[in-house]
All heavy atoms as atom14 arrays in JSON, in Angstrom:
{
  "sequence": "YRMAWYRQAPGKQRELVASSTSGGSTYYADSVKGRFTISRDNAKNTM",
  "atom14_mask": [
    [1, 1, 1, 1, 1, 1, 1, 1, 1, 1, 1, 1, 0, 0],
    [1, 1, 1, 1, 1, 1, 1, 1, 1, 1, 1, 0, 0, 0],
    [1, 1, 1, 1, 1, 1, 1, 1, 0, 0, 0, 0, 0, 0],
    [1, 1, 1, 1, 1, 0, 0, 0, 0, 0, 0, 0, 0, 0],
    [1, 1, 1, 1, 1, 1, 1, 1, 1, 1, 1, 1, 1, 1],
    [1, 1, 1, 1, 1, 1, 1, 1, 1, 1, 1, 1, 0, 0],
    [1, 1, 1, 1, 1, 1, 1, 1, 1, 1, 1, 0, 0, 0],
    [1, 1, 1, 1, 1, 1, 1, 1, 1, 0, 0, 0, 0, 0],
    [1, 1, 1, 1, 1, 0, 0, 0, 0, 0, 0, 0, 0, 0],
    [1, 1, 1, 1, 1, 1, 1, 0, 0, 0, 0, 0, 0, 0],
    [1, 1, 1, 1, 0, 0, 0, 0, 0, 0, 0, 0, 0, 0],
    [1, 1, 1, 1, 1, 1, 1, 1, 1, 0, 0, 0, 0, 0],
    [1, 1, 1, 1, 1, 1, 1, 1, 1, 0, 0, 0, 0, 0],
    [1, 1, 1, 1, 1, 1, 1, 1, 1, 1, 1, 0, 0, 0],
    [1, 1, 1, 1, 1, 1, 1, 1, 1, 0, 0, 0, 0, 0],
    [1, 1, 1, 1, 1, 1, 1, 1, 0, 0, 0, 0, 0, 0],
    [1, 1, 1, 1, 1, 1, 1, 0, 0, 0, 0, 0, 0, 0],
    [1, 1, 1, 1, 1, 0, 0, 0, 0, 0, 0, 0, 0, 0],
    [1, 1, 1, 1, 1, 1, 0, 0, 0, 0, 0, 0, 0, 0],
    [1, 1, 1, 1, 1, 1, 0, 0, 0, 0, 0, 0, 0, 0],
    [1, 1, 1, 1, 1, 1, 1, 0, 0, 0, 0, 0, 0, 0],
    [1, 1, 1, 1, 1, 1, 0, 0, 0, 0, 0, 0, 0, 0],
    [1, 1, 1, 1, 0, 0, 0, 0, 0, 0, 0, 0, 0, 0],
    [1, 1, 1, 1, 0, 0, 0, 0, 0, 0, 0, 0, 0, 0],
    [1, 1, 1, 1, 1, 1, 0, 0, 0, 0, 0, 0, 0, 0],
    [1, 1, 1, 1, 1, 1, 1, 0, 0, 0, 0, 0, 0, 0],
    [1, 1, 1, 1, 1, 1, 1, 1, 1, 1, 1, 1, 0, 0],
    [1, 1, 1, 1, 1, 1, 1, 1, 1, 1, 1, 1, 0, 0],
    [1, 1, 1, 1, 1, 0, 0, 0, 0, 0, 0, 0, 0, 0],
    [1, 1, 1, 1, 1, 1, 1, 1, 0, 0, 0, 0, 0, 0],
    [1, 1, 1, 1, 1, 1, 0, 0, 0, 0, 0, 0, 0, 0],
    [1, 1, 1, 1, 1, 1, 1, 0, 0, 0, 0, 0, 0, 0],
    [1, 1, 1, 1, 1, 1, 1, 1, 1, 0, 0, 0, 0, 0],
    [1, 1, 1, 1, 0, 0, 0, 0, 0, 0, 0, 0, 0, 0],
    [1, 1, 1, 1, 1, 1, 1, 1, 1, 1, 1, 0, 0, 0],
    [1, 1, 1, 1, 1, 1, 1, 1, 1, 1, 1, 0, 0, 0],
    [1, 1, 1, 1, 1, 1, 1, 0, 0, 0, 0, 0, 0, 0],
    [1, 1, 1, 1, 1, 1, 1, 1, 0, 0, 0, 0, 0, 0],
    [1, 1, 1, 1, 1, 1, 0, 0, 0, 0, 0, 0, 0, 0],
    [1, 1, 1, 1, 1, 1, 1, 1, 1, 1, 1, 0, 0, 0],
    [1, 1, 1, 1, 1, 1, 1, 1, 0, 0, 0, 0, 0, 0],
    [1, 1, 1, 1, 1, 1, 1, 1, 0, 0, 0, 0, 0, 0],
    [1, 1, 1, 1, 1, 0, 0, 0, 0, 0, 0, 0, 0, 0],
    [1, 1, 1, 1, 1, 1, 1, 1, 1, 0, 0, 0, 0, 0],
    [1, 1, 1, 1, 1, 1, 1, 1, 0, 0, 0, 0, 0, 0],
    [1, 1, 1, 1, 1, 1, 1, 0, 0, 0, 0, 0, 0, 0],
    [1, 1, 1, 1, 1, 1, 1, 1, 0, 0, 0, 0, 0, 0]
  ],
  "atom14_positions": [
    [[102.65, 111.84, 113.5], [102.5, 110.42, 113.73], [103.52, 109.68, 113.05], [104.29, 108.89, 113.51], [101.13, 109.96, 113.42], [101.04, 108.39, 113.44], [101.15, 107.74, 114.59], [100.98, 107.73, 112.19], [101.2, 106.33, 114.66], [100.94, 106.24, 112.25], [101.03, 105.59, 113.45], [101.04, 104.27, 113.45], [0.0, 0.0, 0.0], [0.0, 0.0, 0.0]],
    [[103.51, 109.87, 111.74], [104.49, 109.24, 110.78], [105.43, 110.14, 110.03], [105.03, 111.12, 109.38], [103.7, 108.45, 109.82], [104.67, 107.63, 108.84], [103.7, 106.79, 107.86], [104.53, 106.05, 106.89], [104.84, 106.58, 105.72], [104.73, 107.86, 105.38], [105.61, 105.8, 104.91], [0.0, 0.0, 0.0], [0.0, 0.0, 0.0], [0.0, 0.0, 0.0]],
    [[106.69, 109.95, 110.15], [107.72, 110.68, 109.21], [108.5, 109.58, 108.45], [108.77, 108.51, 108.9], [108.55, 111.49, 110.13], [107.9, 112.62, 111.06], [108.97, 113.75, 111.74], [109.57, 114.71, 110.42], [0.0, 0.0, 0.0], [0.0, 0.0, 0.0], [0.0, 0.0, 0.0], [0.0, 0.0, 0.0], [0.0, 0.0, 0.0], [0.0, 0.0, 0.0]],
    [[108.91, 110.16, 107.3], [109.61, 109.17, 106.4], [110.51, 109.85, 105.55], [110.53, 110.98, 105.35], [108.59, 108.35, 105.63], [0.0, 0.0, 0.0], [0.0, 0.0, 0.0], [0.0, 0.0, 0.0], [0.0, 0.0, 0.0], [0.0, 0.0, 0.0], [0.0, 0.0, 0.0], [0.0, 0.0, 0.0], [0.0, 0.0, 0.0], [0.0, 0.0, 0.0]],
    [[111.47, 109.07, 105.03], [112.36, 109.46, 103.91], [112.02, 108.73, 102.62], [111.93, 107.51, 102.63], [113.81, 109.15, 104.3], [114.34, 110.01, 105.35], [114.42, 109.8, 106.59], [114.9, 111.27, 105.18], [115.1, 110.75, 107.39], [115.27, 111.83, 106.46], [115.05, 112.12, 104.12], [115.78, 113.08, 106.68], [115.63, 113.48, 104.39], [116.04, 113.92, 105.64]],
    [[111.82, 109.48, 101.59], [111.7, 108.94, 100.33], [112.81, 109.41, 99.35], [113.5, 110.32, 99.63], [110.32, 109.43, 99.63], [109.04, 108.89, 100.25], [108.57, 109.32, 101.53], [108.34, 107.86, 99.58], [107.55, 108.82, 101.9], [107.19, 107.4, 100.12], [106.7, 107.8, 101.17], [105.48, 107.35, 101.84], [0.0, 0.0, 0.0], [0.0, 0.0, 0.0]],
    [[113.01, 108.7, 98.35], [113.95, 109.13, 97.34], [113.58, 108.82, 95.81], [112.77, 108.12, 95.57], [115.33, 108.4, 97.57], [115.27, 106.8, 97.21], [116.56, 106.2, 97.63], [116.67, 104.8, 97.29], [117.69, 104.02, 97.7], [118.71, 104.39, 98.3], [117.49, 102.67, 97.36], [0.0, 0.0, 0.0], [0.0, 0.0, 0.0], [0.0, 0.0, 0.0]],
    [[114.09, 109.75, 95.03], [113.66, 109.63, 93.6], [114.92, 109.72, 92.75], [115.57, 110.74, 92.71], [112.59, 110.65, 93.21], [112.1, 110.42, 91.7], [110.83, 111.17, 91.57], [110.55, 112.2, 92.27], [110.04, 110.79, 90.54], [0.0, 0.0, 0.0], [0.0, 0.0, 0.0], [0.0, 0.0, 0.0], [0.0, 0.0, 0.0], [0.0, 0.0, 0.0]],
    [[115.24, 108.74, 92.06], [116.41, 108.71, 91.12], [115.78, 109.16, 89.63], [114.66, 109.04, 89.39], [117.07, 107.27, 91.01], [0.0, 0.0, 0.0], [0.0, 0.0, 0.0], [0.0, 0.0, 0.0], [0.0, 0.0, 0.0], [0.0, 0.0, 0.0], [0.0, 0.0, 0.0], [0.0, 0.0, 0.0], [0.0, 0.0, 0.0], [0.0, 0.0, 0.0]],
    [[116.78, 109.64, 88.97], [116.32, 110.21, 87.57], [115.75, 109.03, 86.8], [116.15, 107.85, 86.74], [117.71, 110.56, 86.91], [118.64, 111.02, 88.09], [118.36, 110.01, 89.18], [0.0, 0.0, 0.0], [0.0, 0.0, 0.0], [0.0, 0.0, 0.0], [0.0, 0.0, 0.0], [0.0, 0.0, 0.0], [0.0, 0.0, 0.0], [0.0, 0.0, 0.0]],
    [[114.49, 109.34, 86.24], [113.8, 108.45, 85.39], [113.06, 107.33, 86.14], [112.56, 106.34, 85.67], [0.0, 0.0, 0.0], [0.0, 0.0, 0.0], [0.0, 0.0, 0.0], [0.0, 0.0, 0.0], [0.0, 0.0, 0.0], [0.0, 0.0, 0.0], [0.0, 0.0, 0.0], [0.0, 0.0, 0.0], [0.0, 0.0, 0.0], [0.0, 0.0, 0.0]],
    [[113.14, 107.41, 87.59], [112.44, 106.46, 88.38], [111.31, 107.05, 89.22], [111.34, 108.23, 89.51], [113.53, 105.6, 89.24], [114.51, 104.84, 88.48], [115.3, 104.01, 89.36], [116.3, 103.14, 88.54], [117.14, 102.3, 89.55], [0.0, 0.0, 0.0], [0.0, 0.0, 0.0], [0.0, 0.0, 0.0], [0.0, 0.0, 0.0], [0.0, 0.0, 0.0]],
    [[110.46, 106.17, 89.71], [109.45, 106.54, 90.57], [110.05, 106.84, 92.09], [110.96, 106.31, 92.49], [108.31, 105.52, 90.67], [107.43, 105.49, 89.4], [106.31, 104.68, 89.61], [106.26, 103.68, 90.38], [105.2, 104.92, 88.83], [0.0, 0.0, 0.0], [0.0, 0.0, 0.0], [0.0, 0.0, 0.0], [0.0, 0.0, 0.0], [0.0, 0.0, 0.0]],
    [[109.43, 107.71, 92.73], [109.63, 108.04, 94.08], [109.45, 106.7, 94.98], [108.45, 106.05, 94.69], [108.95, 109.19, 94.66], [109.25, 109.63, 96.03], [108.55, 110.84, 96.53], [108.88, 111.95, 95.67], [108.43, 113.27, 95.97], [107.59, 113.46, 97.05], [108.86, 114.25, 95.19], [0.0, 0.0, 0.0], [0.0, 0.0, 0.0], [0.0, 0.0, 0.0]],
    [[110.32, 106.42, 95.78], [110.2, 105.17, 96.51], [110.46, 105.43, 98.05], [111.32, 106.31, 98.41], [111.23, 104.04, 96.08], [112.68, 104.34, 96.27], [113.62, 103.25, 95.89], [113.17, 102.06, 96.05], [114.88, 103.57, 95.89], [0.0, 0.0, 0.0], [0.0, 0.0, 0.0], [0.0, 0.0, 0.0], [0.0, 0.0, 0.0], [0.0, 0.0, 0.0]],
    [[109.84, 104.75, 98.83], [109.94, 104.9, 100.28], [111.26, 104.14, 100.78], [111.49, 103.09, 100.5], [108.72, 104.13, 101.04], [108.82, 104.12, 102.56], [108.83, 105.47, 103.16], [107.76, 103.24, 103.08], [0.0, 0.0, 0.0], [0.0, 0.0, 0.0], [0.0, 0.0, 0.0], [0.0, 0.0, 0.0], [0.0, 0.0, 0.0], [0.0, 0.0, 0.0]],
    [[112.01, 104.92, 101.56], [113.28, 104.38, 101.97], [113.14, 103.85, 103.42], [113.6, 102.82, 103.74], [114.39, 105.5, 101.96], [115.77, 105.02, 102.47], [114.55, 106.02, 100.38], [0.0, 0.0, 0.0], [0.0, 0.0, 0.0], [0.0, 0.0, 0.0], [0.0, 0.0, 0.0], [0.0, 0.0, 0.0], [0.0, 0.0, 0.0], [0.0, 0.0, 0.0]],
    [[112.74, 104.71, 104.22], [112.58, 104.37, 105.75], [111.38, 105.34, 106.22], [111.24, 106.31, 105.86], [113.82, 104.55, 106.46], [0.0, 0.0, 0.0], [0.0, 0.0, 0.0], [0.0, 0.0, 0.0], [0.0, 0.0, 0.0], [0.0, 0.0, 0.0], [0.0, 0.0, 0.0], [0.0, 0.0, 0.0], [0.0, 0.0, 0.0], [0.0, 0.0, 0.0]],
    [[110.68, 104.74, 107.3], [109.78, 105.48, 108.08], [109.76, 105.26, 109.48], [110.45, 104.18, 109.99], [108.4, 105.24, 107.45], [107.94, 103.92, 107.76], [0.0, 0.0, 0.0], [0.0, 0.0, 0.0], [0.0, 0.0, 0.0], [0.0, 0.0, 0.0], [0.0, 0.0, 0.0], [0.0, 0.0, 0.0], [0.0, 0.0, 0.0], [0.0, 0.0, 0.0]],
    [[109.19, 106.2, 110.33], [109.26, 106.14, 111.7], [107.92, 106.69, 112.24], [107.47, 107.75, 111.78], [110.46, 107.02, 112.23], [110.27, 107.24, 113.63], [0.0, 0.0, 0.0], [0.0, 0.0, 0.0], [0.0, 0.0, 0.0], [0.0, 0.0, 0.0], [0.0, 0.0, 0.0], [0.0, 0.0, 0.0], [0.0, 0.0, 0.0], [0.0, 0.0, 0.0]],
    [[107.43, 105.95, 113.21], [106.23, 106.54, 113.86], [106.47, 107.06, 115.24], [107.5, 106.78, 115.77], [105.05, 105.37, 113.92], [105.55, 104.48, 115.04], [104.74, 104.73, 112.69], [0.0, 0.0, 0.0], [0.0, 0.0, 0.0], [0.0, 0.0, 0.0], [0.0, 0.0, 0.0], [0.0, 0.0, 0.0], [0.0, 0.0, 0.0], [0.0, 0.0, 0.0]],
    [[105.51, 107.93, 115.71], [105.73, 108.51, 117.08], [105.78, 107.59, 118.1], [106.27, 107.63, 119.16], [104.67, 109.54, 117.24], [103.46, 108.94, 117.13], [0.0, 0.0, 0.0], [0.0, 0.0, 0.0], [0.0, 0.0, 0.0], [0.0, 0.0, 0.0], [0.0, 0.0, 0.0], [0.0, 0.0, 0.0], [0.0, 0.0, 0.0], [0.0, 0.0, 0.0]],
    [[105.26, 106.25, 117.77], [105.25, 105.14, 118.74], [106.43, 104.37, 118.77], [106.72, 103.55, 119.65], [0.0, 0.0, 0.0], [0.0, 0.0, 0.0], [0.0, 0.0, 0.0], [0.0, 0.0, 0.0], [0.0, 0.0, 0.0], [0.0, 0.0, 0.0], [0.0, 0.0, 0.0], [0.0, 0.0, 0.0], [0.0, 0.0, 0.0], [0.0, 0.0, 0.0]],
    [[107.42, 104.75, 117.85], [108.66, 104.11, 117.85], [108.95, 102.94, 116.75], [109.91, 102.43, 116.64], [0.0, 0.0, 0.0], [0.0, 0.0, 0.0], [0.0, 0.0, 0.0], [0.0, 0.0, 0.0], [0.0, 0.0, 0.0], [0.0, 0.0, 0.0], [0.0, 0.0, 0.0], [0.0, 0.0, 0.0], [0.0, 0.0, 0.0], [0.0, 0.0, 0.0]],
    [[107.87, 102.72, 116.0], [108.01, 101.68, 114.96], [108.78, 102.26, 113.8], [108.71, 103.46, 113.49], [106.58, 101.29, 114.37], [105.89, 100.66, 115.53], [0.0, 0.0, 0.0], [0.0, 0.0, 0.0], [0.0, 0.0, 0.0], [0.0, 0.0, 0.0], [0.0, 0.0, 0.0], [0.0, 0.0, 0.0], [0.0, 0.0, 0.0], [0.0, 0.0, 0.0]],
    [[109.67, 101.34, 113.23], [110.31, 101.73, 111.94], [110.16, 100.84, 110.82], [109.82, 99.63, 111.14], [111.89, 101.93, 112.29], [112.36, 100.59, 112.81], [112.1, 103.05, 113.4], [0.0, 0.0, 0.0], [0.0, 0.0, 0.0], [0.0, 0.0, 0.0], [0.0, 0.0, 0.0], [0.0, 0.0, 0.0], [0.0, 0.0, 0.0], [0.0, 0.0, 0.0]],
    [[110.46, 101.32, 109.63], [110.39, 100.42, 108.43], [111.5, 100.9, 107.59], [111.97, 102.11, 107.56], [109.1, 100.73, 107.82], [109.1, 100.06, 106.23], [108.75, 98.83, 106.05], [109.42, 101.08, 105.23], [108.85, 98.39, 104.67], [109.56, 100.58, 103.93], [109.24, 99.23, 103.63], [109.32, 98.69, 102.43], [0.0, 0.0, 0.0], [0.0, 0.0, 0.0]],
    [[112.13, 99.8, 106.93], [113.25, 100.01, 106.0], [112.92, 99.26, 104.74], [112.58, 98.12, 104.78], [114.55, 99.66, 106.58], [114.94, 100.46, 107.8], [114.66, 99.89, 109.08], [115.64, 101.58, 107.57], [115.11, 100.71, 110.07], [116.14, 102.43, 108.61], [115.72, 101.92, 109.97], [116.17, 102.67, 110.99], [0.0, 0.0, 0.0], [0.0, 0.0, 0.0]],
    [[113.21, 99.89, 103.59], [113.19, 99.19, 102.31], [114.26, 98.11, 102.29], [115.27, 98.31, 102.98], [113.41, 100.09, 101.08], [0.0, 0.0, 0.0], [0.0, 0.0, 0.0], [0.0, 0.0, 0.0], [0.0, 0.0, 0.0], [0.0, 0.0, 0.0], [0.0, 0.0, 0.0], [0.0, 0.0, 0.0], [0.0, 0.0, 0.0], [0.0, 0.0, 0.0]],
    [[114.06, 96.99, 101.66], [114.96, 95.93, 101.69], [116.28, 96.46, 101.2], [117.38, 95.84, 101.62], [114.53, 94.84, 100.76], [113.38, 94.05, 101.43], [113.17, 94.14, 102.69], [112.75, 93.23, 100.74], [0.0, 0.0, 0.0], [0.0, 0.0, 0.0], [0.0, 0.0, 0.0], [0.0, 0.0, 0.0], [0.0, 0.0, 0.0], [0.0, 0.0, 0.0]],
    [[116.42, 97.32, 100.26], [117.61, 97.73, 99.69], [118.5, 98.63, 100.72], [119.66, 98.7, 100.21], [117.26, 98.56, 98.44], [116.51, 99.8, 98.8], [0.0, 0.0, 0.0], [0.0, 0.0, 0.0], [0.0, 0.0, 0.0], [0.0, 0.0, 0.0], [0.0, 0.0, 0.0], [0.0, 0.0, 0.0], [0.0, 0.0, 0.0], [0.0, 0.0, 0.0]],
    [[117.93, 99.04, 101.68], [118.72, 99.81, 102.59], [118.83, 99.17, 103.99], [119.68, 99.82, 104.88], [118.27, 101.24, 102.76], [118.09, 101.86, 101.39], [116.89, 101.31, 103.55], [0.0, 0.0, 0.0], [0.0, 0.0, 0.0], [0.0, 0.0, 0.0], [0.0, 0.0, 0.0], [0.0, 0.0, 0.0], [0.0, 0.0, 0.0], [0.0, 0.0, 0.0]],
    [[118.19, 98.02, 104.22], [118.25, 97.51, 105.52], [119.66, 97.17, 105.93], [120.47, 96.56, 105.08], [117.34, 96.19, 105.42], [116.25, 96.12, 106.48], [115.44, 94.95, 106.23], [114.05, 95.25, 105.93], [113.14, 94.12, 105.82], [0.0, 0.0, 0.0], [0.0, 0.0, 0.0], [0.0, 0.0, 0.0], [0.0, 0.0, 0.0], [0.0, 0.0, 0.0]],
    [[120.04, 97.43, 107.16], [121.27, 97.1, 107.62], [122.37, 98.26, 107.25], [123.5, 98.15, 107.86], [0.0, 0.0, 0.0], [0.0, 0.0, 0.0], [0.0, 0.0, 0.0], [0.0, 0.0, 0.0], [0.0, 0.0, 0.0], [0.0, 0.0, 0.0], [0.0, 0.0, 0.0], [0.0, 0.0, 0.0], [0.0, 0.0, 0.0], [0.0, 0.0, 0.0]],
    [[122.07, 99.2, 106.4], [122.91, 100.25, 106.06], [122.48, 101.64, 106.52], [123.2, 102.52, 106.82], [123.07, 100.21, 104.48], [123.68, 99.0, 104.03], [124.09, 99.23, 102.5], [122.9, 99.46, 101.66], [122.77, 100.5, 100.78], [123.8, 101.48, 100.75], [121.55, 100.63, 100.2], [0.0, 0.0, 0.0], [0.0, 0.0, 0.0], [0.0, 0.0, 0.0]],
    [[121.02, 101.85, 106.5], [120.48, 103.0, 106.84], [119.82, 102.99, 108.26], [119.35, 101.98, 108.52], [119.52, 103.59, 105.8], [120.05, 103.93, 104.3], [121.34, 103.71, 104.09], [119.25, 104.58, 103.54], [121.94, 104.04, 102.88], [119.73, 104.92, 102.23], [121.07, 104.63, 101.94], [0.0, 0.0, 0.0], [0.0, 0.0, 0.0], [0.0, 0.0, 0.0]],
    [[119.81, 104.13, 108.9], [119.15, 104.22, 110.2], [118.31, 105.39, 110.36], [118.8, 106.53, 110.05], [120.06, 104.16, 111.41], [120.8, 102.89, 111.28], [119.3, 103.99, 112.63], [0.0, 0.0, 0.0], [0.0, 0.0, 0.0], [0.0, 0.0, 0.0], [0.0, 0.0, 0.0], [0.0, 0.0, 0.0], [0.0, 0.0, 0.0], [0.0, 0.0, 0.0]],
    [[116.99, 105.42, 110.58], [116.16, 106.47, 110.73], [116.05, 106.8, 112.15], [115.92, 105.86, 113.0], [114.81, 106.31, 109.99], [113.92, 107.63, 109.98], [114.04, 105.18, 110.65], [112.7, 107.47, 109.17], [0.0, 0.0, 0.0], [0.0, 0.0, 0.0], [0.0, 0.0, 0.0], [0.0, 0.0, 0.0], [0.0, 0.0, 0.0], [0.0, 0.0, 0.0]],
    [[115.99, 108.09, 112.55], [115.81, 108.46, 113.99], [115.21, 109.86, 114.02], [115.17, 110.62, 113.19], [117.27, 108.4, 114.64], [118.09, 109.42, 114.12], [0.0, 0.0, 0.0], [0.0, 0.0, 0.0], [0.0, 0.0, 0.0], [0.0, 0.0, 0.0], [0.0, 0.0, 0.0], [0.0, 0.0, 0.0], [0.0, 0.0, 0.0], [0.0, 0.0, 0.0]],
    [[114.6, 110.13, 115.24], [114.02, 111.25, 115.53], [114.59, 111.96, 116.89], [115.01, 111.31, 117.74], [112.53, 111.2, 115.81], [111.69, 110.67, 114.7], [110.27, 110.85, 115.19], [109.34, 110.15, 114.44], [107.94, 110.59, 114.36], [107.55, 111.58, 115.0], [107.25, 109.94, 113.46], [0.0, 0.0, 0.0], [0.0, 0.0, 0.0], [0.0, 0.0, 0.0]],
    [[114.79, 113.33, 116.82], [115.2, 114.0, 118.03], [114.15, 114.94, 118.24], [114.05, 116.17, 117.66], [116.6, 114.64, 117.83], [117.14, 115.38, 119.01], [116.29, 115.72, 119.98], [118.29, 115.47, 119.14], [0.0, 0.0, 0.0], [0.0, 0.0, 0.0], [0.0, 0.0, 0.0], [0.0, 0.0, 0.0], [0.0, 0.0, 0.0], [0.0, 0.0, 0.0]],
    [[113.15, 114.7, 119.22], [112.09, 115.45, 119.48], [112.38, 116.75, 120.11], [111.88, 117.74, 119.82], [111.16, 114.73, 120.55], [110.41, 113.59, 119.83], [110.41, 113.39, 118.64], [109.95, 112.61, 120.6], [0.0, 0.0, 0.0], [0.0, 0.0, 0.0], [0.0, 0.0, 0.0], [0.0, 0.0, 0.0], [0.0, 0.0, 0.0], [0.0, 0.0, 0.0]],
    [[113.43, 116.85, 120.81], [113.98, 118.17, 121.45], [114.4, 119.13, 120.4], [114.26, 120.37, 120.47], [115.17, 117.88, 122.42], [0.0, 0.0, 0.0], [0.0, 0.0, 0.0], [0.0, 0.0, 0.0], [0.0, 0.0, 0.0], [0.0, 0.0, 0.0], [0.0, 0.0, 0.0], [0.0, 0.0, 0.0], [0.0, 0.0, 0.0], [0.0, 0.0, 0.0]],
    [[114.97, 118.65, 119.39], [115.28, 119.5, 118.1], [114.31, 119.53, 116.95], [114.53, 120.26, 116.01], [116.66, 119.04, 117.55], [117.83, 119.18, 118.56], [119.07, 118.68, 118.02], [120.23, 118.75, 119.02], [121.65, 118.38, 118.5], [0.0, 0.0, 0.0], [0.0, 0.0, 0.0], [0.0, 0.0, 0.0], [0.0, 0.0, 0.0], [0.0, 0.0, 0.0]],
    [[113.18, 118.78, 117.19], [112.21, 118.8, 116.03], [112.97, 118.42, 114.73], [112.55, 119.01, 113.8], [111.41, 120.05, 115.93], [110.6, 120.4, 117.18], [109.9, 119.41, 117.63], [110.49, 121.52, 117.56], [0.0, 0.0, 0.0], [0.0, 0.0, 0.0], [0.0, 0.0, 0.0], [0.0, 0.0, 0.0], [0.0, 0.0, 0.0], [0.0, 0.0, 0.0]],
    [[113.71, 117.38, 114.76], [114.43, 116.97, 113.58], [114.45, 115.52, 113.45], [114.63, 114.81, 114.42], [115.91, 117.59, 113.71], [115.88, 119.01, 113.77], [116.72, 117.14, 112.43], [0.0, 0.0, 0.0], [0.0, 0.0, 0.0], [0.0, 0.0, 0.0], [0.0, 0.0, 0.0], [0.0, 0.0, 0.0], [0.0, 0.0, 0.0], [0.0, 0.0, 0.0]],
    [[114.33, 115.08, 112.24], [114.48, 113.66, 111.81], [115.83, 113.45, 111.12], [116.19, 114.32, 110.39], [113.29, 113.21, 110.97], [113.29, 111.71, 110.59], [111.9, 111.25, 109.62], [112.05, 112.18, 108.15], [0.0, 0.0, 0.0], [0.0, 0.0, 0.0], [0.0, 0.0, 0.0], [0.0, 0.0, 0.0], [0.0, 0.0, 0.0], [0.0, 0.0, 0.0]]
  ]
}
């Protein structure tokens, strides 16, 4: 249902970068909006 990318920098907590649902909804952290794009290829089972 939901797949996402998180990141963790040294000395910092893990943070959500972007997420995608099987229904097509996406979310982006403000810090990456307009620069990062999340996508899925169901045929390749790859995000």
